[in-house]
PDB file of N, CA and C in Angstrom:
ATOM      1  N   MET A   1       0.842  -1.167   0.000  1.00  0.00           N
ATOM      2  CA  MET A   1       0.000   0.000   0.000  1.00  0.00           C
ATOM      3  C   MET A   1       0.895   1.242   0.000  1.00  0.00           C
ATOM      4  N   ALA A   2       0.684   2.086  -0.940  1.00  0.00           N
ATOM      5  CA  ALA A   2       1.503   3.288  -1.088  1.00  0.00           C
ATOM      6  C   ALA A   2       0.935   4.427  -0.246  1.00  0.00           C
ATOM      7  N   LEU A   3       1.824   5.287   0.189  1.00  0.00           N
ATOM      8  CA  LEU A   3       1.428   6.464   0.943  1.00  0.00           C
ATOM      9  C   LEU A   3       0.886   7.508  -0.030  1.00  0.00           C
ATOM     10  N   ILE A   4      -0.320   7.982   0.237  1.00  0.00           N
ATOM     11  CA  ILE A   4      -0.933   8.994  -0.626  1.00  0.00           C
ATOM     12  C   ILE A   4      -0.820  10.341   0.080  1.00  0.00           C
ATOM     13  N   GLN A   5      -0.198  11.292  -0.582  1.00  0.00           N
ATOM     14  CA  GLN A   5      -0.026  12.616  -0.006  1.00  0.00           C
ATOM     15  C   GLN A   5      -1.022  13.589  -0.620  1.00  0.00           C
ATOM     16  N   THR A   6      -1.339  14.607   0.151  1.00  0.00           N
ATOM     17  CA  THR A   6      -2.209  15.665  -0.339  1.00  0.00           C
ATOM     18  C   THR A   6      -1.461  16.493  -1.377  1.00  0.00           C
ATOM     19  N   ASN A   7      -2.179  16.909  -2.380  1.00  0.00           N
ATOM     20  CA  ASN A   7      -1.603  17.786  -3.391  1.00  0.00           C
ATOM     21  C   ASN A   7      -1.087  19.050  -2.693  1.00  0.00           C
ATOM     22  N   PRO A   8       0.164  19.457  -2.931  1.00  0.00           N
ATOM     23  CA  PRO A   8       0.711  20.632  -2.255  1.00  0.00           C
ATOM     24  C   PRO A   8      -0.125  21.897  -2.438  1.00  0.00           C
ATOM     25  N   LYS A   9      -0.857  22.012  -3.527  1.00  0.00           N
ATOM     26  CA  LYS A   9      -1.682  23.203  -3.750  1.00  0.00           C
ATOM     27  C   LYS A   9      -2.918  23.214  -2.843  1.00  0.00           C
ATOM     28  N   ARG A  10      -3.314  22.043  -2.325  1.00  0.00           N
ATOM     29  CA  ARG A  10      -4.507  21.950  -1.481  1.00  0.00           C
ATOM     30  C   ARG A  10      -4.180  21.959   0.012  1.00  0.00           C
ATOM     31  N   ARG A  11      -2.917  22.027   0.351  1.00  0.00           N
ATOM     32  CA  ARG A  11      -2.532  22.007   1.762  1.00  0.00           C
ATOM     33  C   ARG A  11      -2.829  23.357   2.403  1.00  0.00           C
ATOM     34  N   ARG A  12      -3.420  23.308   3.575  1.00  0.00           N
ATOM     35  CA  ARG A  12      -3.781  24.537   4.296  1.00  0.00           C
ATOM     36  C   ARG A  12      -3.025  24.561   5.618  1.00  0.00           C
ATOM     37  N   TYR A  13      -1.870  25.162   5.609  1.00  0.00           N
ATOM     38  CA  TYR A  13      -1.020  25.185   6.786  1.00  0.00           C
ATOM     39  C   TYR A  13      -1.617  26.042   7.904  1.00  0.00           C
ATOM     40  N   GLY A  14      -2.321  27.090   7.556  1.00  0.00           N
ATOM     41  CA  GLY A  14      -2.943  27.945   8.572  1.00  0.00           C
ATOM     42  C   GLY A  14      -4.013  27.202   9.356  1.00  0.00           C
ATOM     43  N   VAL A  15      -4.850  26.448   8.646  1.00  0.00           N
ATOM     44  CA  VAL A  15      -5.897  25.665   9.307  1.00  0.00           C
ATOM     45  C   VAL A  15      -5.265  24.603  10.202  1.00  0.00           C
ATOM     46  N   ALA A  16      -4.202  23.975   9.714  1.00  0.00           N
ATOM     47  CA  ALA A  16      -3.511  22.963  10.517  1.00  0.00           C
ATOM     48  C   ALA A  16      -2.907  23.586  11.776  1.00  0.00           C
ATOM     49  N   ALA A  17      -2.355  24.780  11.658  1.00  0.00           N
ATOM     50  CA  ALA A  17      -1.767  25.454  12.818  1.00  0.00           C
ATOM     51  C   ALA A  17      -2.841  25.817  13.840  1.00  0.00           C
ATOM     52  N   ILE A  18      -3.976  26.335  13.372  1.00  0.00           N
ATOM     53  CA  ILE A  18      -5.074  26.685  14.281  1.00  0.00           C
ATOM     54  C   ILE A  18      -5.608  25.438  14.983  1.00  0.00           C
ATOM     55  N   ALA A  19      -5.783  24.353  14.234  1.00  0.00           N
ATOM     56  CA  ALA A  19      -6.256  23.104  14.834  1.00  0.00           C
ATOM     57  C   ALA A  19      -5.251  22.586  15.863  1.00  0.00           C
ATOM     58  N   GLY A  20      -3.975  22.714  15.574  1.00  0.00           N
ATOM     59  CA  GLY A  20      -2.949  22.280  16.521  1.00  0.00           C
ATOM     60  C   GLY A  20      -2.939  23.106  17.791  1.00  0.00           C
ATOM     61  N   VAL A  21      -3.101  24.423  17.648  1.00  0.00           N
ATOM     62  CA  VAL A  21      -3.132  25.296  18.824  1.00  0.00           C
ATOM     63  C   VAL A  21      -4.365  25.001  19.674  1.00  0.00           C
ATOM     64  N   LEU A  22      -5.529  24.869  19.044  1.00  0.00           N
ATOM     65  CA  LEU A  22      -6.749  24.563  19.798  1.00  0.00           C
ATOM     66  C   LEU A  22      -6.649  23.199  20.485  1.00  0.00           C
ATOM     67  N   GLY A  23      -6.124  22.220  19.789  1.00  0.00           N
ATOM     68  CA  GLY A  23      -5.931  20.907  20.403  1.00  0.00           C
ATOM     69  C   GLY A  23      -4.955  20.963  21.567  1.00  0.00           C
ATOM     70  N   GLY A  24      -3.913  21.761  21.424  1.00  0.00           N
ATOM     71  CA  GLY A  24      -2.951  21.921  22.508  1.00  0.00           C
ATOM     72  C   GLY A  24      -3.553  22.593  23.728  1.00  0.00           C
ATOM     73  N   ILE A  25      -4.411  23.582  23.500  1.00  0.00           N
ATOM     74  CA  ILE A  25      -5.073  24.261  24.620  1.00  0.00           C
ATOM     75  C   ILE A  25      -5.977  23.289  25.370  1.00  0.00           C
ATOM     76  N   VAL A  26      -6.765  22.516  24.622  1.00  0.00           N
ATOM     77  CA  VAL A  26      -7.665  21.547  25.258  1.00  0.00           C
ATOM     78  C   VAL A  26      -6.861  20.505  26.027  1.00  0.00           C
ATOM     79  N   SER A  27      -5.802  19.985  25.435  1.00  0.00           N
ATOM     80  CA  SER A  27      -5.008  18.971  26.134  1.00  0.00           C
ATOM     81  C   SER A  27      -4.297  19.561  27.353  1.00  0.00           C
ATOM     82  N   ALA A  28      -3.899  20.826  27.288  1.00  0.00           N
ATOM     83  CA  ALA A  28      -3.271  21.462  28.447  1.00  0.00           C
ATOM     84  C   ALA A  28      -4.266  21.615  29.584  1.00  0.00           C
ATOM     85  N   ILE A  29      -5.504  21.987  29.258  1.00  0.00           N
ATOM     86  CA  ILE A  29      -6.529  22.101  30.299  1.00  0.00           C
ATOM     87  C   ILE A  29      -6.789  20.740  30.925  1.00  0.00           C
ATOM     88  N   VAL A  30      -6.849  19.696  30.103  1.00  0.00           N
ATOM     89  CA  VAL A  30      -7.083  18.353  30.630  1.00  0.00           C
ATOM     90  C   VAL A  30      -5.925  17.934  31.529  1.00  0.00           C
ATOM     91  N   LYS A  31      -4.706  18.166  31.088  1.00  0.00           N
ATOM     92  CA  LYS A  31      -3.544  17.778  31.893  1.00  0.00           C
ATOM     93  C   LYS A  31      -3.434  18.643  33.143  1.00  0.00           C
ATOM     94  N   PHE A  32      -3.731  19.918  33.033  1.00  0.00           N
ATOM     95  CA  PHE A  32      -3.620  20.856  34.140  1.00  0.00           C
ATOM     96  C   PHE A  32      -4.714  20.618  35.169  1.00  0.00           C
ATOM     97  N   GLY A  33      -5.826  20.118  34.731  1.00  0.00           N
ATOM     98  CA  GLY A  33      -6.970  19.909  35.615  1.00  0.00           C
ATOM     99  C   GLY A  33      -8.029  20.941  35.311  1.00  0.00           C
ATOM    100  N   TRP A  34      -9.202  20.485  34.982  1.00  0.00           N
ATOM    101  CA  TRP A  34     -10.270  21.381  34.550  1.00  0.00           C
ATOM    102  C   TRP A  34     -10.672  22.345  35.650  1.00  0.00           C
ATOM    103  N   GLU A  35     -10.626  21.917  36.907  1.00  0.00           N
ATOM    104  CA  GLU A  35     -11.077  22.768  38.004  1.00  0.00           C
ATOM    105  C   GLU A  35     -10.089  23.884  38.320  1.00  0.00           C
ATOM    106  N   VAL A  36      -8.844  23.764  37.895  1.00  0.00           N
ATOM    107  CA  VAL A  36      -7.854  24.778  38.242  1.00  0.00           C
ATOM    108  C   VAL A  36      -8.079  26.084  37.474  1.00  0.00           C
ATOM    109  N   PRO A  37      -8.232  26.080  36.135  1.00  0.00           N
ATOM    110  CA  PRO A  37      -8.424  27.353  35.446  1.00  0.00           C
ATOM    111  C   PRO A  37      -9.839  27.911  35.569  1.00  0.00           C
ATOM    112  N   LEU A  38     -10.788  27.067  35.920  1.00  0.00           N
ATOM    113  CA  LEU A  38     -12.170  27.516  36.051  1.00  0.00           C
ATOM    114  C   LEU A  38     -12.482  27.792  37.516  1.00  0.00           C
ATOM    115  N   PRO A  39     -13.508  28.579  37.782  1.00  0.00           N
ATOM    116  CA  PRO A  39     -13.850  28.881  39.176  1.00  0.00           C
ATOM    117  C   PRO A  39     -14.196  27.608  39.945  1.00  0.00           C
ATOM    118  N   PRO A  40     -13.899  27.589  41.230  1.00  0.00           N
ATOM    119  CA  PRO A  40     -14.223  26.397  42.018  1.00  0.00           C
ATOM    120  C   PRO A  40     -15.732  26.224  42.167  1.00  0.00           C
ATOM    121  N   ARG A  41     -16.109  25.018  42.464  1.00  0.00           N
ATOM    122  CA  ARG A  41     -17.530  24.733  42.659  1.00  0.00           C
ATOM    123  C   ARG A  41     -18.004  25.347  43.968  1.00  0.00           C
ATOM    124  N   THR A  42     -19.200  25.880  43.930  1.00  0.00           N
ATOM    125  CA  THR A  42     -19.824  26.361  45.157  1.00  0.00           C
ATOM    126  C   THR A  42     -20.412  25.156  45.882  1.00  0.00           C
ATOM    127  N   PRO A  43     -20.681  25.268  47.159  1.00  0.00           N
ATOM    128  CA  PRO A  43     -21.282  24.128  47.872  1.00  0.00           C
ATOM    129  C   PRO A  43     -22.612  23.676  47.257  1.00  0.00           C
ATOM    130  N   GLU A  44     -23.392  24.623  46.725  1.00  0.00           N
ATOM    131  CA  GLU A  44     -24.666  24.257  46.105  1.00  0.00           C
ATOM    132  C   GLU A  44     -24.443  23.424  44.846  1.00  0.00           C
ATOM    133  N   ARG A  45     -23.468  23.817  44.043  1.00  0.00           N
ATOM    134  CA  ARG A  45     -23.186  23.071  42.811  1.00  0.00           C
ATOM    135  C   ARG A  45     -22.531  21.733  43.107  1.00  0.00           C
ATOM    136  N   ASN A  46     -21.821  21.654  44.209  1.00  0.00           N
ATOM    137  CA  ASN A  46     -21.084  20.445  44.534  1.00  0.00           C
ATOM    138  C   ASN A  46     -21.928  19.423  45.285  1.00  0.00           C
ATOM    139  N   ALA A  47     -23.136  19.792  45.703  1.00  0.00           N
ATOM    140  CA  ALA A  47     -23.979  18.886  46.483  1.00  0.00           C
ATOM    141  C   ALA A  47     -24.270  17.615  45.690  1.00  0.00           C
ATOM    142  N   THR A  48     -24.945  17.732  44.584  1.00  0.00           N
ATOM    143  CA  THR A  48     -25.202  16.596  43.688  1.00  0.00           C
ATOM    144  C   THR A  48     -25.080  17.112  42.268  1.00  0.00           C
ATOM    145  N   ASN A  49     -24.047  16.665  41.560  1.00  0.00           N
ATOM    146  CA  ASN A  49     -23.849  17.133  40.193  1.00  0.00           C
ATOM    147  C   ASN A  49     -24.592  16.219  39.213  1.00  0.00           C
ATOM    148  N   PRO A  50     -24.715  16.624  37.955  1.00  0.00           N
ATOM    149  CA  PRO A  50     -25.511  15.848  36.991  1.00  0.00           C
ATOM    150  C   PRO A  50     -25.114  14.381  36.834  1.00  0.00           C
ATOM    151  N   PRO A  51     -23.812  14.016  36.763  1.00  0.00           N
ATOM    152  CA  PRO A  51     -23.516  12.579  36.663  1.00  0.00           C
ATOM    153  C   PRO A  51     -23.996  11.789  37.880  1.00  0.00           C
ATOM    154  N   GLN A  52     -23.863  12.389  39.064  1.00  0.00           N
ATOM    155  CA  GLN A  52     -24.331  11.707  40.269  1.00  0.00           C
ATOM    156  C   GLN A  52     -25.849  11.548  40.241  1.00  0.00           C
ATOM    157  N   GLU A  53     -26.544  12.583  39.826  1.00  0.00           N
ATOM    158  CA  GLU A  53     -28.012  12.531  39.764  1.00  0.00           C
ATOM    159  C   GLU A  53     -28.478  11.455  38.793  1.00  0.00           C
ATOM    160  N   LEU A  54     -27.836  11.359  37.638  1.00  0.00           N
ATOM    161  CA  LEU A  54     -28.212  10.341  36.655  1.00  0.00           C
ATOM    162  C   LEU A  54     -28.013   8.937  37.219  1.00  0.00           C
ATOM    163  N   LEU A  55     -26.881   8.709  37.865  1.00  0.00           N
ATOM    164  CA  LEU A  55     -26.633   7.388  38.438  1.00  0.00           C
ATOM    165  C   LEU A  55     -27.634   7.058  39.544  1.00  0.00           C
ATOM    166  N   GLN A  56     -28.023   8.062  40.316  1.00  0.00           N
ATOM    167  CA  GLN A  56     -29.028   7.828  41.353  1.00  0.00           C
ATOM    168  C   GLN A  56     -30.380   7.491  40.730  1.00  0.00           C
ATOM    169  N   GLN A  57     -30.716   8.123  39.616  1.00  0.00           N
ATOM    170  CA  GLN A  57     -31.970   7.805  38.925  1.00  0.00           C
ATOM    171  C   GLN A  57     -31.942   6.392  38.357  1.00  0.00           C
ATOM    172  N   LEU A  58     -30.741   5.888  38.051  1.00  0.00           N
ATOM    173  CA  LEU A  58     -30.608   4.524  37.532  1.00  0.00           C
ATOM    174  C   LEU A  58     -30.568   3.482  38.647  1.00  0.00           C
ATOM    175  N   GLY A  59     -30.644   3.933  39.908  1.00  0.00           N
ATOM    176  CA  GLY A  59     -30.733   3.002  41.022  1.00  0.00           C
ATOM    177  C   GLY A  59     -29.465   2.793  41.814  1.00  0.00           C
ATOM    178  N   ILE A  60     -28.407   3.517  41.501  1.00  0.00           N
ATOM    179  CA  ILE A  60     -27.160   3.385  42.262  1.00  0.00           C
ATOM    180  C   ILE A  60     -27.290   4.242  43.523  1.00  0.00           C
ATOM    181  N   PRO A  61     -26.998   3.680  44.688  1.00  0.00           N
ATOM    182  CA  PRO A  61     -27.220   4.420  45.934  1.00  0.00           C
ATOM    183  C   PRO A  61     -26.319   5.646  46.071  1.00  0.00           C
ATOM    184  N   GLU A  62     -26.805   6.601  46.854  1.00  0.00           N
ATOM    185  CA  GLU A  62     -26.071   7.849  47.074  1.00  0.00           C
ATOM    186  C   GLU A  62     -24.730   7.590  47.756  1.00  0.00           C
ATOM    187  N   SER A  63     -24.653   6.541  48.553  1.00  0.00           N
ATOM    188  CA  SER A  63     -23.390   6.228  49.232  1.00  0.00           C
ATOM    189  C   SER A  63     -22.282   5.887  48.237  1.00  0.00           C
ATOM    190  N   VAL A  64     -22.645   5.421  47.045  1.00  0.00           N
ATOM    191  CA  VAL A  64     -21.656   5.111  46.008  1.00  0.00           C
ATOM    192  C   VAL A  64     -21.388   6.335  45.136  1.00  0.00           C
ATOM    193  N   THR A  65     -22.436   7.044  44.740  1.00  0.00           N
ATOM    194  CA  THR A  65     -22.260   8.172  43.821  1.00  0.00           C
ATOM    195  C   THR A  65     -21.592   9.375  44.479  1.00  0.00           C
ATOM    196  N   HIS A  66     -21.624   9.460  45.795  1.00  0.00           N
ATOM    197  CA  HIS A  66     -21.008  10.592  46.480  1.00  0.00           C
ATOM    198  C   HIS A  66     -19.655  10.243  47.102  1.00  0.00           C
ATOM    199  N   LEU A  67     -19.065   9.108  46.705  1.00  0.00           N
ATOM    200  CA  LEU A  67     -17.715   8.800  47.168  1.00  0.00           C
ATOM    201  C   LEU A  67     -16.750   9.839  46.613  1.00  0.00           C
ATOM    202  N   SER A  68     -15.788  10.240  47.410  1.00  0.00           N
ATOM    203  CA  SER A  68     -14.846  11.263  46.960  1.00  0.00           C
ATOM    204  C   SER A  68     -13.424  10.855  47.341  1.00  0.00           C
ATOM    205  N   TYR A  69     -12.469  11.601  46.812  1.00  0.00           N
ATOM    206  CA  TYR A  69     -11.061  11.351  47.105  1.00  0.00           C
ATOM    207  C   TYR A  69     -10.337  12.679  47.232  1.00  0.00           C
ATOM    208  N   THR A  70      -9.131  12.621  47.740  1.00  0.00           N
ATOM    209  CA  THR A  70      -8.306  13.810  47.917  1.00  0.00           C
ATOM    210  C   THR A  70      -7.123  13.729  46.964  1.00  0.00           C
ATOM    211  N   PHE A  71      -6.894  14.804  46.217  1.00  0.00           N
ATOM    212  CA  PHE A  71      -5.773  14.861  45.289  1.00  0.00           C
ATOM    213  C   PHE A  71      -5.129  16.229  45.368  1.00  0.00           C
ATOM    214  N   ASN A  72      -3.847  16.249  45.587  1.00  0.00           N
ATOM    215  CA  ASN A  72      -3.064  17.483  45.562  1.00  0.00           C
ATOM    216  C   ASN A  72      -3.622  18.533  46.531  1.00  0.00           C
ATOM    217  N   GLY A  73      -4.079  18.066  47.690  1.00  0.00           N
ATOM    218  CA  GLY A  73      -4.601  18.986  48.694  1.00  0.00           C
ATOM    219  C   GLY A  73      -6.049  19.374  48.509  1.00  0.00           C
ATOM    220  N   ASN A  74      -6.670  18.958  47.434  1.00  0.00           N
ATOM    221  CA  ASN A  74      -8.084  19.256  47.205  1.00  0.00           C
ATOM    222  C   ASN A  74      -8.916  18.102  47.747  1.00  0.00           C
ATOM    223  N   GLU A  75      -9.696  18.374  48.773  1.00  0.00           N
ATOM    224  CA  GLU A  75     -10.491  17.328  49.402  1.00  0.00           C
ATOM    225  C   GLU A  75     -11.899  17.301  48.829  1.00  0.00           C
ATOM    226  N   GLY A  76     -12.499  16.133  48.877  1.00  0.00           N
ATOM    227  CA  GLY A  76     -13.895  15.999  48.482  1.00  0.00           C
ATOM    228  C   GLY A  76     -14.134  16.006  46.989  1.00  0.00           C
ATOM    229  N   LEU A  77     -13.169  15.560  46.191  1.00  0.00           N
ATOM    230  CA  LEU A  77     -13.372  15.496  44.743  1.00  0.00           C
ATOM    231  C   LEU A  77     -14.220  14.267  44.415  1.00  0.00           C
ATOM    232  N   PRO A  78     -15.391  14.454  43.821  1.00  0.00           N
ATOM    233  CA  PRO A  78     -16.252  13.301  43.522  1.00  0.00           C
ATOM    234  C   PRO A  78     -15.724  12.522  42.325  1.00  0.00           C
ATOM    235  N   TRP A  79     -15.401  11.261  42.531  1.00  0.00           N
ATOM    236  CA  TRP A  79     -14.823  10.452  41.456  1.00  0.00           C
ATOM    237  C   TRP A  79     -15.805  10.250  40.322  1.00  0.00           C
ATOM    238  N   VAL A  80     -17.100  10.253  40.603  1.00  0.00           N
ATOM    239  CA  VAL A  80     -18.107  10.044  39.556  1.00  0.00           C
ATOM    240  C   VAL A  80     -18.043  11.165  38.520  1.00  0.00           C
ATOM    241  N   SER A  81     -17.707  12.367  38.943  1.00  0.00           N
ATOM    242  CA  SER A  81     -17.663  13.510  38.028  1.00  0.00           C
ATOM    243  C   SER A  81     -16.533  13.413  37.024  1.00  0.00           C
ATOM    244  N   PHE A  82     -15.510  12.617  37.324  1.00  0.00           N
ATOM    245  CA  PHE A  82     -14.334  12.568  36.469  1.00  0.00           C
ATOM    246  C   PHE A  82     -14.277  11.326  35.597  1.00  0.00           C
ATOM    247  N   ILE A  83     -15.343  10.545  35.594  1.00  0.00           N
ATOM    248  CA  ILE A  83     -15.360   9.333  34.753  1.00  0.00           C
ATOM    249  C   ILE A  83     -15.741   9.726  33.349  1.00  0.00           C
TER     250      ILE A  83
END
């Protein structure tokens, strides 16, 4: 199977650069942690978030959906929210 290259006249380096920068920003946010650049959750928002509510509607008990862990000094991070 031969490698097929794009015709050099049809190559769009600007679009590729923009896509690379946007992809890099998204991956940096994921690696950095989504909660760090965004405002922290308020107690009202952190009570029961949408993934936890959905699992509770499917019959999973609150004792499982509200399990949390501590990472990097941040306590009470709900593991269900990060799946």
